Amino acid sequence: MLYFLESLRQKIIEIRGWKRNCLALSFGMLGVLALPPFLFLPLILVSLVVFNWILDGILVKISDHSKAFVFFQSFLTGWCFGLGFFLGGLYWVYNSFFVDPDKFAWLSPFAVLFLSSGMAVYIGFTASFACIFSRPGISRLVNICIFWVIFE
């Protein structure tokens, strides 16, 4: 089991570019299933651990890059994770536009997308500060949780 998890972690760390951001977005959406009405709580742990592994991949083999590069890459990855998390979590905002659908239904996708994009900035800063102020591993996972509370 541990060998499987370590090999999975290594594969996730090696993912680069847009694939890394799509993976972050996907696991952000997966984390939403821990919220009501589903309440499948283990998924938030899985989601955050994989998010931590994705952030580990930013710091591997880029020790020669500046802190600004690490800040930007981790911000972008965190923003994608947050976008997925809030796109899935704010479905109720989408539903509220259908109280009077003739007037407001066309606004619903824009409202959810822009609201989620704005709120994802908090998770972007969370990822950036967690990458800069902690080492890979469990300490970063704890710092992700701490910075998430601080920034939100």
C-alpha atoms as a PDB file:
ATOM      1  CA  MET A   1       0.000   0.000   0.000  1.00  0.00           C
ATOM      2  CA  LEU A   2       2.767   2.425   0.903  1.00  0.00           C
ATOM      3  CA  TYR A   3       4.633   1.586  -2.291  1.00  0.00           C
ATOM      4  CA  PHE A   4       1.485   2.361  -4.278  1.00  0.00           C
ATOM      5  CA  LEU A   5       1.023   5.720  -2.544  1.00  0.00           C
ATOM      6  CA  GLU A   6       4.675   6.648  -3.008  1.00  0.00           C
ATOM      7  CA  SER A   7       4.591   5.777  -6.710  1.00  0.00           C
ATOM      8  CA  LEU A   8       1.341   7.748  -7.095  1.00  0.00           C
ATOM      9  CA  ARG A   9       2.934  10.706  -5.319  1.00  0.00           C
ATOM     10  CA  GLN A  10       5.936  10.519  -7.625  1.00  0.00           C
ATOM     11  CA  LYS A  11       3.718  10.477 -10.724  1.00  0.00           C
ATOM     12  CA  ILE A  12       1.777  13.495  -9.473  1.00  0.00           C
ATOM     13  CA  ILE A  13       4.984  15.390  -8.675  1.00  0.00           C
ATOM     14  CA  GLU A  14       6.244  14.858 -12.228  1.00  0.00           C
ATOM     15  CA  ILE A  15       3.167  16.440 -13.835  1.00  0.00           C
ATOM     16  CA  ARG A  16       3.927  19.858 -15.333  1.00  0.00           C
ATOM     17  CA  GLY A  17       2.189  22.789 -17.013  1.00  0.00           C
ATOM     18  CA  TRP A  18      -1.481  22.839 -17.844  1.00  0.00           C
ATOM     19  CA  LYS A  19      -1.888  19.197 -16.797  1.00  0.00           C
ATOM     20  CA  ARG A  20      -0.856  20.114 -13.250  1.00  0.00           C
ATOM     21  CA  ASN A  21      -3.417  22.922 -13.174  1.00  0.00           C
ATOM     22  CA  CYS A  22      -6.163  20.664 -14.564  1.00  0.00           C
ATOM     23  CA  LEU A  23      -5.339  18.073 -11.912  1.00  0.00           C
ATOM     24  CA  ALA A  24      -5.549  20.763  -9.229  1.00  0.00           C
ATOM     25  CA  LEU A  25      -8.916  21.914 -10.598  1.00  0.00           C
ATOM     26  CA  SER A  26     -10.191  18.315 -10.608  1.00  0.00           C
ATOM     27  CA  PHE A  27      -9.147  17.608  -7.047  1.00  0.00           C
ATOM     28  CA  GLY A  28     -10.631  20.930  -5.963  1.00  0.00           C
ATOM     29  CA  MET A  29     -13.937  19.729  -7.374  1.00  0.00           C
ATOM     30  CA  LEU A  30     -13.473  16.356  -5.684  1.00  0.00           C
ATOM     31  CA  GLY A  31     -13.047  18.103  -2.334  1.00  0.00           C
ATOM     32  CA  VAL A  32     -16.518  19.615  -2.678  1.00  0.00           C
ATOM     33  CA  LEU A  33     -18.035  16.183  -2.091  1.00  0.00           C
ATOM     34  CA  ALA A  34     -16.986  16.530   1.554  1.00  0.00           C
ATOM     35  CA  LEU A  35     -19.437  19.417   1.942  1.00  0.00           C
ATOM     36  CA  PRO A  36     -23.205  19.127   2.429  1.00  0.00           C
ATOM     37  CA  PRO A  37     -25.359  17.562   1.031  1.00  0.00           C
ATOM     38  CA  PHE A  38     -22.897  14.725   0.253  1.00  0.00           C
ATOM     39  CA  LEU A  39     -20.725  14.856   3.415  1.00  0.00           C
ATOM     40  CA  PHE A  40     -18.236  12.255   2.228  1.00  0.00           C
ATOM     41  CA  LEU A  41     -15.607  13.647   4.600  1.00  0.00           C
ATOM     42  CA  PRO A  42     -12.594  11.487   3.666  1.00  0.00           C
ATOM     43  CA  LEU A  43     -12.532  13.147   0.253  1.00  0.00           C
ATOM     44  CA  ILE A  44     -11.389  16.488   1.673  1.00  0.00           C
ATOM     45  CA  LEU A  45      -8.380  14.742   3.160  1.00  0.00           C
ATOM     46  CA  VAL A  46      -7.622  12.997  -0.141  1.00  0.00           C
ATOM     47  CA  SER A  47      -8.116  16.254  -1.998  1.00  0.00           C
ATOM     48  CA  LEU A  48      -5.788  18.240   0.264  1.00  0.00           C
ATOM     49  CA  VAL A  49      -3.091  15.554   0.277  1.00  0.00           C
ATOM     50  CA  VAL A  50      -3.056  15.403  -3.523  1.00  0.00           C
ATOM     51  CA  PHE A  51      -3.039  19.211  -3.638  1.00  0.00           C
ATOM     52  CA  ASN A  52       0.006  19.122  -1.364  1.00  0.00           C
ATOM     53  CA  TRP A  53       1.688  16.631  -3.712  1.00  0.00           C
ATOM     54  CA  ILE A  54       0.919  18.875  -6.676  1.00  0.00           C
ATOM     55  CA  LEU A  55       2.591  21.751  -4.838  1.00  0.00           C
ATOM     56  CA  ASP A  56       5.570  19.486  -4.106  1.00  0.00           C
ATOM     57  CA  GLY A  57       5.969  19.134  -7.854  1.00  0.00           C
ATOM     58  CA  ILE A  58       6.516  22.871  -8.197  1.00  0.00           C
ATOM     59  CA  LEU A  59       9.542  22.800  -5.921  1.00  0.00           C
ATOM     60  CA  VAL A  60      11.166  19.707  -7.439  1.00  0.00           C
ATOM     61  CA  LYS A  61      14.030  20.491  -9.809  1.00  0.00           C
ATOM     62  CA  ILE A  62      13.489  24.251  -9.680  1.00  0.00           C
ATOM     63  CA  SER A  63      15.793  25.150  -6.814  1.00  0.00           C
ATOM     64  CA  ASP A  64      17.607  27.555  -9.119  1.00  0.00           C
ATOM     65  CA  HIS A  65      14.440  29.584  -9.728  1.00  0.00           C
ATOM     66  CA  SER A  66      13.609  32.667  -7.745  1.00  0.00           C
ATOM     67  CA  LYS A  67      11.007  32.926  -5.024  1.00  0.00           C
ATOM     68  CA  ALA A  68       8.911  35.018  -7.401  1.00  0.00           C
ATOM     69  CA  PHE A  69       8.726  32.080  -9.819  1.00  0.00           C
ATOM     70  CA  VAL A  70       7.727  29.698  -7.022  1.00  0.00           C
ATOM     71  CA  PHE A  71       5.189  32.241  -5.745  1.00  0.00           C
ATOM     72  CA  PHE A  72       3.596  32.635  -9.184  1.00  0.00           C
ATOM     73  CA  GLN A  73       3.514  28.918 -10.034  1.00  0.00           C
ATOM     74  CA  SER A  74       2.096  27.957  -6.652  1.00  0.00           C
ATOM     75  CA  PHE A  75      -0.425  30.806  -6.845  1.00  0.00           C
ATOM     76  CA  LEU A  76      -1.625  29.621 -10.258  1.00  0.00           C
ATOM     77  CA  THR A  77      -1.914  26.016  -9.095  1.00  0.00           C
ATOM     78  CA  GLY A  78      -3.701  27.082  -5.907  1.00  0.00           C
ATOM     79  CA  TRP A  79      -6.015  29.314  -7.904  1.00  0.00           C
ATOM     80  CA  CYS A  80      -6.961  26.350 -10.112  1.00  0.00           C
ATOM     81  CA  PHE A  81      -7.607  24.188  -7.038  1.00  0.00           C
ATOM     82  CA  GLY A  82      -9.725  26.955  -5.517  1.00  0.00           C
ATOM     83  CA  LEU A  83     -11.602  27.503  -8.768  1.00  0.00           C
ATOM     84  CA  GLY A  84     -12.584  23.841  -8.854  1.00  0.00           C
ATOM     85  CA  PHE A  85     -13.501  23.881  -5.182  1.00  0.00           C
ATOM     86  CA  PHE A  86     -15.686  26.968  -5.438  1.00  0.00           C
ATOM     87  CA  LEU A  87     -17.230  26.114  -8.826  1.00  0.00           C
ATOM     88  CA  GLY A  88     -18.557  22.914  -7.322  1.00  0.00           C
ATOM     89  CA  GLY A  89     -19.333  24.402  -3.933  1.00  0.00           C
ATOM     90  CA  LEU A  90     -21.313  27.396  -5.135  1.00  0.00           C
ATOM     91  CA  TYR A  91     -23.914  25.451  -7.108  1.00  0.00           C
ATOM     92  CA  TRP A  92     -26.605  26.960  -4.886  1.00  0.00           C
ATOM     93  CA  VAL A  93     -25.793  30.425  -6.269  1.00  0.00           C
ATOM     94  CA  TYR A  94     -26.476  29.027  -9.733  1.00  0.00           C
ATOM     95  CA  ASN A  95     -29.845  27.705  -8.571  1.00  0.00           C
ATOM     96  CA  SER A  96     -30.873  31.036  -7.069  1.00  0.00           C
ATOM     97  CA  PHE A  97     -30.953  32.676 -10.493  1.00  0.00           C
ATOM     98  CA  PHE A  98     -33.807  30.400 -11.503  1.00  0.00           C
ATOM     99  CA  VAL A  99     -36.328  31.944  -9.122  1.00  0.00           C
ATOM    100  CA  ASP A 100     -37.263  34.229 -12.004  1.00  0.00           C
ATOM    101  CA  PRO A 101     -35.585  32.470 -14.942  1.00  0.00           C
ATOM    102  CA  ASP A 102     -36.917  34.764 -17.661  1.00  0.00           C
ATOM    103  CA  LYS A 103     -34.940  37.693 -16.272  1.00  0.00           C
ATOM    104  CA  PHE A 104     -31.918  36.181 -14.573  1.00  0.00           C
ATOM    105  CA  ALA A 105     -31.131  32.698 -15.933  1.00  0.00           C
ATOM    106  CA  TRP A 106     -28.607  34.026 -18.452  1.00  0.00           C
ATOM    107  CA  LEU A 107     -26.588  35.574 -15.608  1.00  0.00           C
ATOM    108  CA  SER A 108     -26.134  32.361 -13.630  1.00  0.00           C
ATOM    109  CA  PRO A 109     -23.009  30.930 -15.330  1.00  0.00           C
ATOM    110  CA  PHE A 110     -21.244  34.292 -15.278  1.00  0.00           C
ATOM    111  CA  ALA A 111     -22.081  34.938 -11.637  1.00  0.00           C
ATOM    112  CA  VAL A 112     -20.810  31.551 -10.476  1.00  0.00           C
ATOM    113  CA  LEU A 113     -17.682  31.716 -12.644  1.00  0.00           C
ATOM    114  CA  PHE A 114     -16.712  35.236 -11.566  1.00  0.00           C
ATOM    115  CA  LEU A 115     -17.537  34.631  -7.900  1.00  0.00           C
ATOM    116  CA  SER A 116     -15.549  31.389  -7.915  1.00  0.00           C
ATOM    117  CA  SER A 117     -12.640  33.059  -9.719  1.00  0.00           C
ATOM    118  CA  GLY A 118     -12.528  35.822  -7.146  1.00  0.00           C
ATOM    119  CA  MET A 119     -12.719  33.490  -4.185  1.00  0.00           C
ATOM    120  CA  ALA A 120     -10.054  31.219  -5.713  1.00  0.00           C
ATOM    121  CA  VAL A 121      -7.570  34.066  -5.245  1.00  0.00           C
ATOM    122  CA  TYR A 122      -7.613  33.271  -1.515  1.00  0.00           C
ATOM    123  CA  ILE A 123      -6.591  29.685  -2.193  1.00  0.00           C
ATOM    124  CA  GLY A 124      -3.930  30.931  -4.597  1.00  0.00           C
ATOM    125  CA  PHE A 125      -2.377  33.005  -1.829  1.00  0.00           C
ATOM    126  CA  THR A 126      -2.758  30.046   0.516  1.00  0.00           C
ATOM    127  CA  ALA A 127      -0.733  27.847  -1.831  1.00  0.00           C
ATOM    128  CA  SER A 128       1.900  30.530  -2.406  1.00  0.00           C
ATOM    129  CA  PHE A 129       2.507  31.220   1.249  1.00  0.00           C
ATOM    130  CA  ALA A 130       2.477  27.509   2.095  1.00  0.00           C
ATOM    131  CA  CYS A 131       5.129  26.852  -0.574  1.00  0.00           C
ATOM    132  CA  ILE A 132       7.332  29.729   0.508  1.00  0.00           C
ATOM    133  CA  PHE A 133       7.105  29.280   4.285  1.00  0.00           C
ATOM    134  CA  SER A 134       7.230  25.494   4.646  1.00  0.00           C
ATOM    135  CA  ARG A 135       9.044  22.433   3.403  1.00  0.00           C
ATOM    136  CA  PRO A 136       7.396  19.621   1.457  1.00  0.00           C
ATOM    137  CA  GLY A 137       5.546  17.079   3.537  1.00  0.00           C
ATOM    138  CA  ILE A 138       3.162  17.153   6.452  1.00  0.00           C
ATOM    139  CA  SER A 139       4.291  20.611   7.577  1.00  0.00           C
ATOM    140  CA  ARG A 140       3.106  22.090   4.292  1.00  0.00           C
ATOM    141  CA  LEU A 141      -0.215  20.288   4.604  1.00  0.00           C
ATOM    142  CA  VAL A 142      -0.699  21.813   8.049  1.00  0.00           C
ATOM    143  CA  ASN A 143       0.343  25.219   6.709  1.00  0.00           C
ATOM    144  CA  ILE A 144      -2.126  24.926   3.839  1.00  0.00           C
ATOM    145  CA  CYS A 145      -4.907  24.485   6.399  1.00  0.00           C
ATOM    146  CA  ILE A 146      -3.637  27.357   8.546  1.00  0.00           C
ATOM    147  CA  PHE A 147      -3.195  29.772   5.639  1.00  0.00           C
ATOM    148  CA  TRP A 148      -6.583  28.769   4.215  1.00  0.00           C
ATOM    149  CA  VAL A 149      -8.236  29.860   7.460  1.00  0.00           C
ATOM    150  CA  ILE A 150      -6.182  33.066   7.599  1.00  0.00           C
ATOM    151  CA  PHE A 151      -6.814  34.138   4.014  1.00  0.00           C
ATOM    152  CA  GLU A 152     -10.456  33.225   3.898  1.00  0.00           C
END
